[in-house]
């Protein structure tokens, strides 16, 4: 099965980072920019669609909600229990926030309506990044390195009520 999409379709599904990493890995930066700017139909194989996560994504322009879902997913997958504390590596959460903002390449030009949603998401991402980085943390020694962990419940409170 072949799936026909434009780069814009991939960006609007917040999958550009995976598409670039797994499908365009052999392309140079200027070639990738041309792909974005031309916005022509691309044929994706079923395997590529599976790898980039296309088969499990629902299209929405509520990017703040998408960011919340991504952070929730990171918290669910990477939370650990240490001495009866439910914690997560602070950098895992912070990196996810930063990475989500890169899913919309600078070269990508969209309509005003969608750009408002992108700007709103970036503003929200900056806000929660600051709040997570200011959370009380626990340092745990792991392989001769001190790693900062935050309580998972505090991260969940930040993303659910702001």
Protein backbone atom coordinates (compact mmCIF):
# COMPACT_ATOMS: atom_id res chain seq x y z
CA UNK A 1 0.00 0.00 0.00
CA UNK A 2 1.24 3.50 -0.84
CA UNK A 3 0.09 6.61 0.99
CA UNK A 4 0.15 9.97 -0.78
CA UNK A 5 0.75 13.04 1.38
CA UNK A 6 2.34 16.45 1.17
CA UNK A 7 5.05 17.68 3.56
CA UNK A 8 2.41 20.05 4.95
CA UNK A 9 0.21 17.06 5.87
CA UNK A 10 3.13 15.51 7.73
CA UNK A 11 3.94 18.75 9.57
CA UNK A 12 0.31 19.30 10.57
CA UNK A 13 0.26 15.84 12.12
CA UNK A 14 3.33 16.81 14.20
CA UNK A 15 5.38 14.04 12.58
CA UNK A 16 7.97 16.04 10.64
CA UNK A 17 10.77 15.24 13.11
CA UNK A 18 10.26 11.49 12.64
CA UNK A 19 9.82 11.77 8.89
CA UNK A 20 13.05 13.74 8.66
CA UNK A 21 14.89 11.32 10.96
CA UNK A 22 13.75 8.04 9.41
CA UNK A 23 12.78 8.79 5.81
CA UNK A 24 14.93 11.77 4.86
CA UNK A 25 18.05 10.68 6.76
CA UNK A 26 20.12 10.48 3.58
CA UNK A 27 19.10 13.97 2.36
CA UNK A 28 21.09 17.15 2.81
CA UNK A 29 19.62 20.18 4.56
CA UNK A 30 19.09 22.16 1.35
CA UNK A 31 17.26 19.19 -0.21
CA UNK A 32 14.97 18.98 2.82
CA UNK A 33 14.23 22.71 2.59
CA UNK A 34 13.27 22.29 -1.08
CA UNK A 35 10.94 19.42 -0.19
CA UNK A 36 9.17 21.62 2.37
CA UNK A 37 8.94 24.61 0.06
CA UNK A 38 7.67 22.67 -2.98
CA UNK A 39 5.05 20.87 -0.87
CA UNK A 40 4.43 18.26 -3.57
CA UNK A 41 2.81 14.87 -3.05
CA UNK A 42 5.08 12.27 -1.49
CA UNK A 43 4.52 8.55 -1.69
CA UNK A 44 4.97 6.87 1.69
CA UNK A 45 5.24 3.14 2.03
CA UNK A 46 3.21 1.40 4.70
CA UNK A 47 6.46 0.69 6.58
CA UNK A 48 7.50 4.36 6.54
CA UNK A 49 4.02 5.38 7.72
CA UNK A 50 4.29 2.92 10.60
CA UNK A 51 7.80 4.05 11.59
CA UNK A 52 6.94 7.75 11.70
CA UNK A 53 3.73 7.05 13.64
CA UNK A 54 1.27 8.16 10.96
CA UNK A 55 -1.03 5.21 11.56
CA UNK A 56 -1.84 6.29 15.12
CA UNK A 57 -2.21 10.06 14.71
CA UNK A 58 -5.42 12.05 14.61
CA UNK A 59 -5.30 15.40 12.83
CA UNK A 60 -5.99 18.42 15.03
CA UNK A 61 -5.05 22.06 15.03
CA UNK A 62 -5.09 22.14 18.84
CA UNK A 63 -1.32 21.91 19.17
CA UNK A 64 -1.30 22.73 22.88
CA UNK A 65 -3.37 19.58 23.42
CA UNK A 66 -0.98 17.56 21.23
CA UNK A 67 1.98 18.81 23.30
CA UNK A 68 0.20 17.84 26.51
CA UNK A 69 -0.45 14.36 25.13
CA UNK A 70 3.21 13.96 24.16
CA UNK A 71 4.40 14.99 27.62
CA UNK A 72 1.82 12.73 29.27
CA UNK A 73 3.13 9.88 27.15
CA UNK A 74 6.73 10.59 28.19
CA UNK A 75 5.67 10.67 31.85
CA UNK A 76 3.83 7.34 31.50
CA UNK A 77 6.71 5.64 29.70
CA UNK A 78 9.69 6.98 31.64
CA UNK A 79 8.44 7.32 35.20
CA UNK A 80 10.26 5.21 37.72
CA UNK A 81 9.85 4.42 41.41
CA UNK A 82 12.76 5.09 43.74
CA UNK A 83 12.41 4.70 47.50
CA UNK A 84 8.63 4.98 47.22
CA UNK A 85 8.94 8.18 45.13
CA UNK A 86 7.37 8.27 41.68
CA UNK A 87 9.86 10.31 39.68
CA UNK A 88 10.98 11.10 36.16
CA UNK A 89 14.25 12.40 34.76
CA UNK A 90 13.76 16.16 34.48
CA UNK A 91 15.75 16.34 31.25
CA UNK A 92 13.44 13.79 29.60
CA UNK A 93 10.51 16.12 30.07
CA UNK A 94 12.44 19.27 29.14
CA UNK A 95 13.87 17.65 26.01
CA UNK A 96 10.40 16.52 24.89
CA UNK A 97 9.11 20.08 25.19
CA UNK A 98 12.03 21.47 23.17
CA UNK A 99 11.78 18.70 20.58
CA UNK A 100 8.06 19.28 20.07
CA UNK A 101 8.73 22.88 19.11
CA UNK A 102 11.05 21.69 16.32
CA UNK A 103 8.29 19.71 14.64
CA UNK A 104 7.36 22.84 12.72
CA UNK A 105 10.36 23.76 10.54
CA UNK A 106 11.15 27.43 9.96
CA UNK A 107 10.84 26.86 6.21
CA UNK A 108 7.25 25.68 6.62
CA UNK A 109 4.84 28.42 5.56
CA UNK A 110 1.23 28.02 6.59
CA UNK A 111 -1.96 30.03 6.67
CA UNK A 112 -2.57 32.64 9.41
CA UNK A 113 -5.03 30.43 11.27
CA UNK A 114 -2.65 27.51 11.68
CA UNK A 115 0.27 29.86 12.42
CA UNK A 116 -1.73 31.24 15.36
CA UNK A 117 -1.95 27.71 16.75
CA UNK A 118 1.78 27.15 16.26
CA UNK A 119 2.60 30.42 18.03
CA UNK A 120 0.17 29.58 20.85
CA UNK A 121 1.80 26.16 21.27
CA UNK A 122 5.31 27.65 21.33
CA UNK A 123 4.27 30.19 23.96
CA UNK A 124 2.70 27.42 26.06
CA UNK A 125 5.79 25.23 25.58
CA UNK A 126 8.05 28.03 26.83
CA UNK A 127 5.81 28.53 29.85
CA UNK A 128 5.74 24.88 30.90
CA UNK A 129 9.44 24.47 30.14
CA UNK A 130 10.14 27.22 32.66
CA UNK A 131 7.78 25.69 35.22
CA UNK A 132 9.24 22.18 34.89
CA UNK A 133 12.80 23.51 35.12
CA UNK A 134 11.86 25.31 38.35
CA UNK A 135 10.29 22.24 39.98
CA UNK A 136 11.78 20.84 43.15
CA UNK A 137 14.09 18.01 42.16
CA UNK A 138 15.81 14.99 43.66
CA UNK A 139 19.38 14.20 42.66
CA UNK A 140 20.26 10.54 42.31
CA UNK A 141 23.71 9.18 41.59
CA UNK A 142 23.68 6.92 38.54
CA UNK A 143 26.90 5.60 36.99
CA UNK A 144 29.02 8.30 38.64
CA UNK A 145 26.68 11.03 37.44
CA UNK A 146 24.14 13.06 39.41
CA UNK A 147 20.81 13.06 37.61
CA UNK A 148 17.96 15.40 38.48
CA UNK A 149 14.55 13.82 38.86
CA UNK A 150 11.23 15.56 39.44
CA UNK A 151 8.05 14.12 40.84
CA UNK A 152 5.80 12.84 38.07
CA UNK A 153 2.69 14.14 39.79
CA UNK A 154 4.09 17.69 39.68
CA UNK A 155 4.69 17.43 35.93
CA UNK A 156 1.16 16.11 35.44
CA UNK A 157 -0.26 19.03 37.42
CA UNK A 158 1.58 21.51 35.23
CA UNK A 159 0.31 20.07 31.96
CA UNK A 160 -3.25 19.37 33.05
CA UNK A 161 -4.23 22.62 34.73
CA UNK A 162 -2.41 25.36 32.80
